[in-house]
Amino acid sequence: MGLVAQNIRTQNEATISGAQDSDLTPQELEALLRLIKKTTFVGEDVEMVYTLVVKLQKQYLQKTK
């Protein structure tokens, strides 16, 4: 089960349409990393979260060079 967004208005009134703009901005990547940092994970999820964080960090670093 997943969520599907259609034509969402953001704070700056730009319209985001579904999968057309799925590339995350550096600010979005940073927000995700901060949320993950504040969250507690159980043992069985730690490896998956670690792998996810590494990927997010790589993307963040590539976009902020």
C-alpha atoms as a PDB file:
ATOM      1  CA  MET A   1       0.000   0.000   0.000  1.00  0.00           C
ATOM      2  CA  GLY A   2       1.448   3.375  -0.955  1.00  0.00           C
ATOM      3  CA  LEU A   3       0.549   6.993  -1.318  1.00  0.00           C
ATOM      4  CA  VAL A   4       0.200   8.628  -4.707  1.00  0.00           C
ATOM      5  CA  ALA A   5       0.323  12.407  -4.962  1.00  0.00           C
ATOM      6  CA  GLN A   6      -1.432  14.239  -7.747  1.00  0.00           C
ATOM      7  CA  ASN A   7      -1.016  17.991  -8.342  1.00  0.00           C
ATOM      8  CA  ILE A   8       0.184  19.151  -4.937  1.00  0.00           C
ATOM      9  CA  ARG A   9       0.651  22.844  -4.238  1.00  0.00           C
ATOM     10  CA  THR A  10       3.748  23.689  -2.221  1.00  0.00           C
ATOM     11  CA  GLN A  11       4.510  26.812  -0.187  1.00  0.00           C
ATOM     12  CA  ASN A  12       5.737  28.680  -3.246  1.00  0.00           C
ATOM     13  CA  GLU A  13       2.577  27.643  -5.168  1.00  0.00           C
ATOM     14  CA  ALA A  14       4.522  25.525  -7.678  1.00  0.00           C
ATOM     15  CA  THR A  15       2.635  22.460  -8.815  1.00  0.00           C
ATOM     16  CA  ILE A  16       4.272  19.074  -8.465  1.00  0.00           C
ATOM     17  CA  SER A  17       2.748  16.491 -10.736  1.00  0.00           C
ATOM     18  CA  GLY A  18       3.096  12.821  -9.740  1.00  0.00           C
ATOM     19  CA  ALA A  19       6.313  11.199 -10.962  1.00  0.00           C
ATOM     20  CA  GLN A  20       7.361  13.999 -13.316  1.00  0.00           C
ATOM     21  CA  ASP A  21       9.617  15.640 -10.718  1.00  0.00           C
ATOM     22  CA  SER A  22      10.888  12.754  -8.603  1.00  0.00           C
ATOM     23  CA  ASP A  23      14.454  14.098  -8.306  1.00  0.00           C
ATOM     24  CA  LEU A  24      15.030  15.331  -4.750  1.00  0.00           C
ATOM     25  CA  THR A  25      16.545  18.748  -4.072  1.00  0.00           C
ATOM     26  CA  PRO A  26      19.452  19.131  -1.646  1.00  0.00           C
ATOM     27  CA  GLN A  27      17.023  20.666   0.862  1.00  0.00           C
ATOM     28  CA  GLU A  28      14.691  17.657   0.590  1.00  0.00           C
ATOM     29  CA  LEU A  29      17.586  15.225   0.985  1.00  0.00           C
ATOM     30  CA  GLU A  30      18.799  17.123   4.037  1.00  0.00           C
ATOM     31  CA  ALA A  31      15.298  17.070   5.549  1.00  0.00           C
ATOM     32  CA  LEU A  32      15.084  13.296   5.095  1.00  0.00           C
ATOM     33  CA  LEU A  33      18.503  12.773   6.643  1.00  0.00           C
ATOM     34  CA  ARG A  34      17.528  14.947   9.633  1.00  0.00           C
ATOM     35  CA  LEU A  35      14.284  12.996  10.118  1.00  0.00           C
ATOM     36  CA  ILE A  36      16.163   9.703  10.011  1.00  0.00           C
ATOM     37  CA  LYS A  37      18.672  11.071  12.519  1.00  0.00           C
ATOM     38  CA  LYS A  38      15.883  11.845  15.016  1.00  0.00           C
ATOM     39  CA  THR A  39      14.188   8.441  14.659  1.00  0.00           C
ATOM     40  CA  THR A  40      14.822   5.252  16.625  1.00  0.00           C
ATOM     41  CA  PHE A  41      14.963   1.998  14.690  1.00  0.00           C
ATOM     42  CA  VAL A  42      14.698  -1.594  15.889  1.00  0.00           C
ATOM     43  CA  GLY A  43      17.540  -4.027  15.251  1.00  0.00           C
ATOM     44  CA  GLU A  44      16.013  -5.711  12.225  1.00  0.00           C
ATOM     45  CA  ASP A  45      15.727  -2.359  10.379  1.00  0.00           C
ATOM     46  CA  VAL A  46      19.179  -0.954  11.144  1.00  0.00           C
ATOM     47  CA  GLU A  47      20.984  -2.443   8.131  1.00  0.00           C
ATOM     48  CA  MET A  48      18.285  -1.293   5.694  1.00  0.00           C
ATOM     49  CA  VAL A  49      18.265   2.214   7.206  1.00  0.00           C
ATOM     50  CA  TYR A  50      22.069   2.358   7.083  1.00  0.00           C
ATOM     51  CA  THR A  51      22.056   1.476   3.369  1.00  0.00           C
ATOM     52  CA  LEU A  52      19.359   4.067   2.707  1.00  0.00           C
ATOM     53  CA  VAL A  53      21.272   6.778   4.576  1.00  0.00           C
ATOM     54  CA  VAL A  54      24.460   6.040   2.617  1.00  0.00           C
ATOM     55  CA  LYS A  55      22.538   6.451  -0.661  1.00  0.00           C
ATOM     56  CA  LEU A  56      20.891   9.668   0.509  1.00  0.00           C
ATOM     57  CA  GLN A  57      24.249  11.070   1.656  1.00  0.00           C
ATOM     58  CA  LYS A  58      25.861  10.268  -1.693  1.00  0.00           C
ATOM     59  CA  GLN A  59      23.066  12.047  -3.548  1.00  0.00           C
ATOM     60  CA  TYR A  60      23.258  15.012  -1.170  1.00  0.00           C
ATOM     61  CA  LEU A  61      27.020  15.334  -1.603  1.00  0.00           C
ATOM     62  CA  GLN A  62      26.757  15.098  -5.410  1.00  0.00           C
ATOM     63  CA  LYS A  63      24.172  17.890  -5.494  1.00  0.00           C
ATOM     64  CA  THR A  64      26.014  20.203  -3.109  1.00  0.00           C
ATOM     65  CA  LYS A  65      29.459  20.093  -4.756  1.00  0.00           C
END
